[in-house]
Amino acid sequence: MDYFIIVVTTAAGLYFHWWLFRRIRQWSDRDLALSLADGNEHKRQYMLEQLARARAQGVRRKELPAWLEQAAEQYPRGDA
């Protein structure tokens, strides 16, 4: 019974660590996208859409900052 408790506790701890790691990465990616919006509400929505698009296209995390910066530069200037 002791081994069962150890295995369950270890598995739960590893899962929680993995889950927390993933959430922190999502939050930092979202913060990066929002920081490129320069406080413009329309551009904020645009950047969140671009972040979702980058995830759907499978953009690697290493390439994400440059990809988002390029997307921010393509934002239509008329709405800014």
C-alpha atoms as a PDB file:
ATOM      1  CA  MET A   1       0.000   0.000   0.000  1.00  0.00           C
ATOM      2  CA  ASP A   2       2.882   2.362   0.736  1.00  0.00           C
ATOM      3  CA  TYR A   3       4.246   1.990  -2.785  1.00  0.00           C
ATOM      4  CA  PHE A   4       0.843   2.771  -4.252  1.00  0.00           C
ATOM      5  CA  ILE A   5       0.678   6.039  -2.300  1.00  0.00           C
ATOM      6  CA  ILE A   6       4.196   6.963  -3.418  1.00  0.00           C
ATOM      7  CA  VAL A   7       3.427   6.195  -7.071  1.00  0.00           C
ATOM      8  CA  VAL A   8       0.138   8.118  -7.046  1.00  0.00           C
ATOM      9  CA  THR A   9       1.662  11.110  -5.266  1.00  0.00           C
ATOM     10  CA  THR A  10       4.654  11.183  -7.618  1.00  0.00           C
ATOM     11  CA  ALA A  11       2.449  10.894 -10.708  1.00  0.00           C
ATOM     12  CA  ALA A  12       0.177  13.686  -9.460  1.00  0.00           C
ATOM     13  CA  GLY A  13       3.190  15.896  -8.722  1.00  0.00           C
ATOM     14  CA  LEU A  14       4.696  15.313 -12.163  1.00  0.00           C
ATOM     15  CA  TYR A  15       1.389  16.004 -13.876  1.00  0.00           C
ATOM     16  CA  PHE A  16       0.903  19.222 -11.907  1.00  0.00           C
ATOM     17  CA  HIS A  17       4.448  20.338 -12.763  1.00  0.00           C
ATOM     18  CA  TRP A  18       3.842  19.667 -16.469  1.00  0.00           C
ATOM     19  CA  TRP A  19       0.476  21.460 -16.366  1.00  0.00           C
ATOM     20  CA  LEU A  20       1.930  24.509 -14.578  1.00  0.00           C
ATOM     21  CA  PHE A  21       4.862  24.666 -17.006  1.00  0.00           C
ATOM     22  CA  ARG A  22       2.483  24.653 -19.981  1.00  0.00           C
ATOM     23  CA  ARG A  23       0.272  27.370 -18.448  1.00  0.00           C
ATOM     24  CA  ILE A  24       3.236  29.635 -17.737  1.00  0.00           C
ATOM     25  CA  ARG A  25       4.416  29.230 -21.347  1.00  0.00           C
ATOM     26  CA  GLN A  26       0.916  30.121 -22.620  1.00  0.00           C
ATOM     27  CA  TRP A  27       0.771  33.164 -20.356  1.00  0.00           C
ATOM     28  CA  SER A  28       4.194  34.394 -21.484  1.00  0.00           C
ATOM     29  CA  ASP A  29       3.264  33.926 -25.163  1.00  0.00           C
ATOM     30  CA  ARG A  30       0.037  35.861 -24.587  1.00  0.00           C
ATOM     31  CA  ASP A  31       1.916  38.628 -22.766  1.00  0.00           C
ATOM     32  CA  LEU A  32       4.360  38.857 -25.667  1.00  0.00           C
ATOM     33  CA  ALA A  33       1.536  39.211 -28.183  1.00  0.00           C
ATOM     34  CA  LEU A  34      -0.225  41.844 -26.067  1.00  0.00           C
ATOM     35  CA  SER A  35       2.981  43.810 -25.517  1.00  0.00           C
ATOM     36  CA  LEU A  36       3.247  44.260 -29.280  1.00  0.00           C
ATOM     37  CA  ALA A  37      -0.242  45.808 -29.387  1.00  0.00           C
ATOM     38  CA  ASP A  38       0.938  49.126 -27.935  1.00  0.00           C
ATOM     39  CA  GLY A  39      -2.243  49.589 -25.888  1.00  0.00           C
ATOM     40  CA  ASN A  40      -4.512  49.718 -28.955  1.00  0.00           C
ATOM     41  CA  GLU A  41      -7.643  47.651 -28.233  1.00  0.00           C
ATOM     42  CA  HIS A  42      -8.192  46.652 -31.868  1.00  0.00           C
ATOM     43  CA  LYS A  43      -4.555  45.707 -32.265  1.00  0.00           C
ATOM     44  CA  ARG A  44      -4.750  43.660 -29.038  1.00  0.00           C
ATOM     45  CA  GLN A  45      -7.505  41.552 -30.566  1.00  0.00           C
ATOM     46  CA  TYR A  46      -5.568  41.304 -33.820  1.00  0.00           C
ATOM     47  CA  MET A  47      -2.438  40.135 -32.002  1.00  0.00           C
ATOM     48  CA  LEU A  48      -4.363  37.496 -30.048  1.00  0.00           C
ATOM     49  CA  GLU A  49      -5.777  36.239 -33.339  1.00  0.00           C
ATOM     50  CA  GLN A  50      -2.247  36.138 -34.768  1.00  0.00           C
ATOM     51  CA  LEU A  51      -1.062  34.173 -31.735  1.00  0.00           C
ATOM     52  CA  ALA A  52      -3.834  31.639 -32.301  1.00  0.00           C
ATOM     53  CA  ARG A  53      -2.878  31.501 -35.978  1.00  0.00           C
ATOM     54  CA  ALA A  54       0.772  30.904 -35.095  1.00  0.00           C
ATOM     55  CA  ARG A  55      -0.210  28.039 -32.811  1.00  0.00           C
ATOM     56  CA  ALA A  56      -2.439  26.542 -35.511  1.00  0.00           C
ATOM     57  CA  GLN A  57       0.399  26.766 -38.045  1.00  0.00           C
ATOM     58  CA  GLY A  58       2.797  25.116 -35.612  1.00  0.00           C
ATOM     59  CA  VAL A  59       5.238  28.007 -35.319  1.00  0.00           C
ATOM     60  CA  ARG A  60       8.036  26.906 -33.023  1.00  0.00           C
ATOM     61  CA  ARG A  61       8.379  28.695 -29.714  1.00  0.00           C
ATOM     62  CA  LYS A  62      11.891  29.812 -30.636  1.00  0.00           C
ATOM     63  CA  GLU A  63      10.551  31.521 -33.782  1.00  0.00           C
ATOM     64  CA  LEU A  64       7.405  32.951 -32.167  1.00  0.00           C
ATOM     65  CA  PRO A  65       8.761  36.408 -31.126  1.00  0.00           C
ATOM     66  CA  ALA A  66       9.987  37.193 -34.651  1.00  0.00           C
ATOM     67  CA  TRP A  67       6.778  35.799 -36.154  1.00  0.00           C
ATOM     68  CA  LEU A  68       4.620  37.975 -33.895  1.00  0.00           C
ATOM     69  CA  GLU A  69       6.749  41.066 -34.566  1.00  0.00           C
ATOM     70  CA  GLN A  70       6.276  40.540 -38.286  1.00  0.00           C
ATOM     71  CA  ALA A  71       2.520  40.135 -37.759  1.00  0.00           C
ATOM     72  CA  ALA A  72       2.455  43.358 -35.718  1.00  0.00           C
ATOM     73  CA  GLU A  73       4.186  45.219 -38.558  1.00  0.00           C
ATOM     74  CA  GLN A  74       1.503  43.980 -40.971  1.00  0.00           C
ATOM     75  CA  TYR A  75      -1.275  45.477 -38.851  1.00  0.00           C
ATOM     76  CA  PRO A  76      -3.228  47.994 -40.949  1.00  0.00           C
ATOM     77  CA  ARG A  77      -2.092  51.505 -40.015  1.00  0.00           C
ATOM     78  CA  GLY A  78      -5.519  53.044 -40.721  1.00  0.00           C
ATOM     79  CA  ASP A  79      -7.052  51.402 -37.625  1.00  0.00           C
ATOM     80  CA  ALA A  80      -4.256  52.472 -35.292  1.00  0.00           C
END
